[in-house]
């Protein structure tokens, strides 16, 4: 789902996880559960790599 979102939007923001299709899979709460305190770092790295 993240791949498809990036292909359409070129960036990922934490708020994006509150919208479809992420919301149907648990939204931002589920993402925090999966990635914990690393979430912001992962998003920053992902967006940095996409911008390069």
PDB file of N, CA and C in Angstrom:
ATOM      1  N   UNK A   1       0.818  -1.183   0.000  1.00  0.00           N
ATOM      2  CA  UNK A   1       0.000   0.000   0.000  1.00  0.00           C
ATOM      3  C   UNK A   1       0.871   1.260   0.000  1.00  0.00           C
ATOM      4  N   UNK A   2       1.970   1.221   0.744  1.00  0.00           N
ATOM      5  CA  UNK A   2       2.861   2.375   0.780  1.00  0.00           C
ATOM      6  C   UNK A   2       3.446   2.613  -0.603  1.00  0.00           C
ATOM      7  N   UNK A   3       3.846   1.559  -1.285  1.00  0.00           N
ATOM      8  CA  UNK A   3       4.393   1.696  -2.642  1.00  0.00           C
ATOM      9  C   UNK A   3       3.398   2.398  -3.557  1.00  0.00           C
ATOM     10  N   UNK A   4       2.164   1.983  -3.529  1.00  0.00           N
ATOM     11  CA  UNK A   4       1.150   2.583  -4.391  1.00  0.00           C
ATOM     12  C   UNK A   4       0.910   4.044  -4.018  1.00  0.00           C
ATOM     13  N   UNK A   5       0.927   4.342  -2.721  1.00  0.00           N
ATOM     14  CA  UNK A   5       0.738   5.721  -2.266  1.00  0.00           C
ATOM     15  C   UNK A   5       1.882   6.602  -2.750  1.00  0.00           C
ATOM     16  N   UNK A   6       3.097   6.113  -2.614  1.00  0.00           N
ATOM     17  CA  UNK A   6       4.274   6.878  -3.050  1.00  0.00           C
ATOM     18  C   UNK A   6       4.229   7.100  -4.558  1.00  0.00           C
ATOM     19  N   UNK A   7       3.833   6.106  -5.307  1.00  0.00           N
ATOM     20  CA  UNK A   7       3.759   6.248  -6.757  1.00  0.00           C
ATOM     21  C   UNK A   7       2.779   7.352  -7.155  1.00  0.00           C
ATOM     22  N   UNK A   8       1.727   7.529  -6.391  1.00  0.00           N
ATOM     23  CA  UNK A   8       0.717   8.529  -6.706  1.00  0.00           C
ATOM     24  C   UNK A   8       1.021   9.900  -6.110  1.00  0.00           C
ATOM     25  N   UNK A   9       1.738   9.944  -4.972  1.00  0.00           N
ATOM     26  CA  UNK A   9       1.894  11.200  -4.240  1.00  0.00           C
ATOM     27  C   UNK A   9       3.330  11.676  -4.068  1.00  0.00           C
ATOM     28  N   UNK A  10       4.279  10.810  -4.280  1.00  0.00           N
ATOM     29  CA  UNK A  10       5.717  11.108  -4.181  1.00  0.00           C
ATOM     30  C   UNK A  10       6.230  11.404  -2.778  1.00  0.00           C
ATOM     31  N   UNK A  11       5.384  11.454  -1.780  1.00  0.00           N
ATOM     32  CA  UNK A  11       5.811  11.607  -0.389  1.00  0.00           C
ATOM     33  C   UNK A  11       4.851  10.841   0.512  1.00  0.00           C
ATOM     34  N   UNK A  12       5.303  10.608   1.738  1.00  0.00           N
ATOM     35  CA  UNK A  12       4.469   9.982   2.752  1.00  0.00           C
ATOM     36  C   UNK A  12       4.498  10.878   3.972  1.00  0.00           C
ATOM     37  N   UNK A  13       3.337  11.191   4.499  1.00  0.00           N
ATOM     38  CA  UNK A  13       3.195  11.977   5.723  1.00  0.00           C
ATOM     39  C   UNK A  13       2.427  11.123   6.727  1.00  0.00           C
ATOM     40  N   UNK A  14       2.676  11.303   8.024  1.00  0.00           N
ATOM     41  CA  UNK A  14       1.946  10.505   9.012  1.00  0.00           C
ATOM     42  C   UNK A  14       0.424  10.579   8.856  1.00  0.00           C
ATOM     43  N   UNK A  15      -0.107  11.739   8.507  1.00  0.00           N
ATOM     44  CA  UNK A  15      -1.555  11.875   8.328  1.00  0.00           C
ATOM     45  C   UNK A  15      -2.103  11.018   7.197  1.00  0.00           C
ATOM     46  N   UNK A  16      -1.254  10.666   6.240  1.00  0.00           N
ATOM     47  CA  UNK A  16      -1.700   9.843   5.114  1.00  0.00           C
ATOM     48  C   UNK A  16      -2.255   8.502   5.582  1.00  0.00           C
ATOM     49  N   UNK A  17      -1.797   8.029   6.716  1.00  0.00           N
ATOM     50  CA  UNK A  17      -2.237   6.726   7.206  1.00  0.00           C
ATOM     51  C   UNK A  17      -3.657   6.751   7.757  1.00  0.00           C
ATOM     52  N   UNK A  18      -4.260   7.917   7.847  1.00  0.00           N
ATOM     53  CA  UNK A  18      -5.641   8.027   8.308  1.00  0.00           C
ATOM     54  C   UNK A  18      -6.640   7.940   7.158  1.00  0.00           C
ATOM     55  N   UNK A  19      -6.142   7.846   5.932  1.00  0.00           N
ATOM     56  CA  UNK A  19      -7.005   7.791   4.755  1.00  0.00           C
ATOM     57  C   UNK A  19      -6.892   6.431   4.081  1.00  0.00           C
ATOM     58  N   UNK A  20      -7.856   6.159   3.201  1.00  0.00           N
ATOM     59  CA  UNK A  20      -7.846   4.906   2.450  1.00  0.00           C
ATOM     60  C   UNK A  20      -6.566   4.816   1.631  1.00  0.00           C
ATOM     61  N   UNK A  21      -6.012   3.668   1.457  1.00  0.00           N
ATOM     62  CA  UNK A  21      -6.465   2.361   1.932  1.00  0.00           C
ATOM     63  C   UNK A  21      -5.938   2.017   3.323  1.00  0.00           C
ATOM     64  N   UNK A  22      -5.085   2.891   3.887  1.00  0.00           N
ATOM     65  CA  UNK A  22      -4.473   2.580   5.180  1.00  0.00           C
ATOM     66  C   UNK A  22      -5.486   2.513   6.316  1.00  0.00           C
ATOM     67  N   UNK A  23      -6.488   3.384   6.285  1.00  0.00           N
ATOM     68  CA  UNK A  23      -7.487   3.419   7.362  1.00  0.00           C
ATOM     69  C   UNK A  23      -8.195   2.077   7.512  1.00  0.00           C
ATOM     70  N   UNK A  24      -8.431   1.390   6.402  1.00  0.00           N
ATOM     71  CA  UNK A  24      -9.110   0.093   6.464  1.00  0.00           C
ATOM     72  C   UNK A  24      -8.248  -0.987   7.108  1.00  0.00           C
ATOM     73  N   UNK A  25      -6.953  -0.743   7.207  1.00  0.00           N
ATOM     74  CA  UNK A  25      -6.038  -1.728   7.797  1.00  0.00           C
ATOM     75  C   UNK A  25      -5.557  -1.306   9.186  1.00  0.00           C
ATOM     76  N   UNK A  26      -6.181  -0.289   9.783  1.00  0.00           N
ATOM     77  CA  UNK A  26      -5.837   0.106  11.140  1.00  0.00           C
ATOM     78  C   UNK A  26      -5.295   1.511  11.261  1.00  0.00           C
ATOM     79  N   UNK A  27      -5.044   2.159  10.142  1.00  0.00           N
ATOM     80  CA  UNK A  27      -4.645   3.556  10.150  1.00  0.00           C
ATOM     81  C   UNK A  27      -3.333   3.839  10.868  1.00  0.00           C
ATOM     82  N   UNK A  28      -3.218   5.050  11.354  1.00  0.00           N
ATOM     83  CA  UNK A  28      -1.996   5.505  11.997  1.00  0.00           C
ATOM     84  C   UNK A  28      -1.687   4.694  13.255  1.00  0.00           C
ATOM     85  N   UNK A  29      -2.719   4.267  13.969  1.00  0.00           N
ATOM     86  CA  UNK A  29      -2.504   3.449  15.161  1.00  0.00           C
ATOM     87  C   UNK A  29      -1.785   2.149  14.836  1.00  0.00           C
ATOM     88  N   UNK A  30      -2.181   1.499  13.760  1.00  0.00           N
ATOM     89  CA  UNK A  30      -1.554   0.242  13.348  1.00  0.00           C
ATOM     90  C   UNK A  30      -0.110   0.479  12.904  1.00  0.00           C
ATOM     91  N   UNK A  31       0.117   1.585  12.187  1.00  0.00           N
ATOM     92  CA  UNK A  31       1.475   1.900  11.740  1.00  0.00           C
ATOM     93  C   UNK A  31       2.374   2.135  12.945  1.00  0.00           C
ATOM     94  N   UNK A  32       1.872   2.852  13.951  1.00  0.00           N
ATOM     95  CA  UNK A  32       2.654   3.056  15.174  1.00  0.00           C
ATOM     96  C   UNK A  32       2.915   1.733  15.883  1.00  0.00           C
ATOM     97  N   UNK A  33       1.931   0.856  15.875  1.00  0.00           N
ATOM     98  CA  UNK A  33       2.094  -0.462  16.493  1.00  0.00           C
ATOM     99  C   UNK A  33       3.196  -1.247  15.784  1.00  0.00           C
ATOM    100  N   UNK A  34       3.251  -1.151  14.466  1.00  0.00           N
ATOM    101  CA  UNK A  34       4.231  -1.899  13.689  1.00  0.00           C
ATOM    102  C   UNK A  34       5.631  -1.299  13.763  1.00  0.00           C
ATOM    103  N   UNK A  35       5.735   0.027  13.690  1.00  0.00           N
ATOM    104  CA  UNK A  35       7.043   0.671  13.588  1.00  0.00           C
ATOM    105  C   UNK A  35       7.470   1.422  14.842  1.00  0.00           C
ATOM    106  N   UNK A  36       6.547   1.637  15.766  1.00  0.00           N
ATOM    107  CA  UNK A  36       6.873   2.276  17.041  1.00  0.00           C
ATOM    108  C   UNK A  36       7.541   3.628  16.876  1.00  0.00           C
ATOM    109  N   UNK A  37       8.527   3.866  17.721  1.00  0.00           N
ATOM    110  CA  UNK A  37       9.219   5.148  17.745  1.00  0.00           C
ATOM    111  C   UNK A  37      10.051   5.394  16.494  1.00  0.00           C
ATOM    112  N   UNK A  38      10.233   4.388  15.677  1.00  0.00           N
ATOM    113  CA  UNK A  38      11.022   4.522  14.457  1.00  0.00           C
ATOM    114  C   UNK A  38      10.215   5.107  13.293  1.00  0.00           C
ATOM    115  N   UNK A  39       8.911   5.250  13.465  1.00  0.00           N
ATOM    116  CA  UNK A  39       8.056   5.667  12.361  1.00  0.00           C
ATOM    117  C   UNK A  39       8.507   6.978  11.732  1.00  0.00           C
ATOM    118  N   UNK A  40       8.718   8.006  12.525  1.00  0.00           N
ATOM    119  CA  UNK A  40       9.103   9.305  11.956  1.00  0.00           C
ATOM    120  C   UNK A  40      10.432   9.215  11.220  1.00  0.00           C
ATOM    121  N   UNK A  41      11.384   8.476  11.767  1.00  0.00           N
ATOM    122  CA  UNK A  41      12.681   8.323  11.108  1.00  0.00           C
ATOM    123  C   UNK A  41      12.513   7.587   9.774  1.00  0.00           C
ATOM    124  N   UNK A  42      11.702   6.563   9.761  1.00  0.00           N
ATOM    125  CA  UNK A  42      11.464   5.796   8.539  1.00  0.00           C
ATOM    126  C   UNK A  42      10.814   6.672   7.476  1.00  0.00           C
ATOM    127  N   UNK A  43       9.830   7.459   7.870  1.00  0.00           N
ATOM    128  CA  UNK A  43       9.156   8.346   6.918  1.00  0.00           C
ATOM    129  C   UNK A  43      10.139   9.383   6.380  1.00  0.00           C
ATOM    130  N   UNK A  44      10.963   9.957   7.248  1.00  0.00           N
ATOM    131  CA  UNK A  44      11.957  10.945   6.812  1.00  0.00           C
ATOM    132  C   UNK A  44      12.948  10.328   5.824  1.00  0.00           C
ATOM    133  N   UNK A  45      13.430   9.134   6.132  1.00  0.00           N
ATOM    134  CA  UNK A  45      14.368   8.464   5.234  1.00  0.00           C
ATOM    135  C   UNK A  45      13.713   8.138   3.893  1.00  0.00           C
ATOM    136  N   UNK A  46      12.505   7.654   3.939  1.00  0.00           N
ATOM    137  CA  UNK A  46      11.779   7.322   2.720  1.00  0.00           C
ATOM    138  C   UNK A  46      11.593   8.565   1.856  1.00  0.00           C
ATOM    139  N   UNK A  47      11.122   9.638   2.457  1.00  0.00           N
ATOM    140  CA  UNK A  47      10.896  10.866   1.707  1.00  0.00           C
ATOM    141  C   UNK A  47      12.218  11.444   1.189  1.00  0.00           C
ATOM    142  N   UNK A  48      13.284  11.336   1.974  1.00  0.00           N
ATOM    143  CA  UNK A  48      14.589  11.802   1.523  1.00  0.00           C
ATOM    144  C   UNK A  48      15.092  11.024   0.317  1.00  0.00           C
ATOM    145  N   UNK A  49      14.894   9.722   0.342  1.00  0.00           N
ATOM    146  CA  UNK A  49      15.319   8.887  -0.782  1.00  0.00           C
ATOM    147  C   UNK A  49      14.474   9.184  -2.020  1.00  0.00           C
ATOM    148  N   UNK A  50      13.205   9.466  -1.832  1.00  0.00           N
ATOM    149  CA  UNK A  50      12.333   9.771  -2.960  1.00  0.00           C
ATOM    150  C   UNK A  50      12.687  11.126  -3.583  1.00  0.00           C
ATOM    151  N   UNK A  51      13.142  12.047  -2.773  1.00  0.00           N
ATOM    152  CA  UNK A  51      13.480  13.385  -3.270  1.00  0.00           C
ATOM    153  C   UNK A  51      14.819  13.411  -3.990  1.00  0.00           C
ATOM    154  N   UNK A  52      15.662  12.420  -3.708  1.00  0.00           N
ATOM    155  CA  UNK A  52      17.017  12.394  -4.294  1.00  0.00           C
ATOM    156  C   UNK A  52      17.003  12.062  -5.764  1.00  0.00           C
TER     157      UNK A  52
END
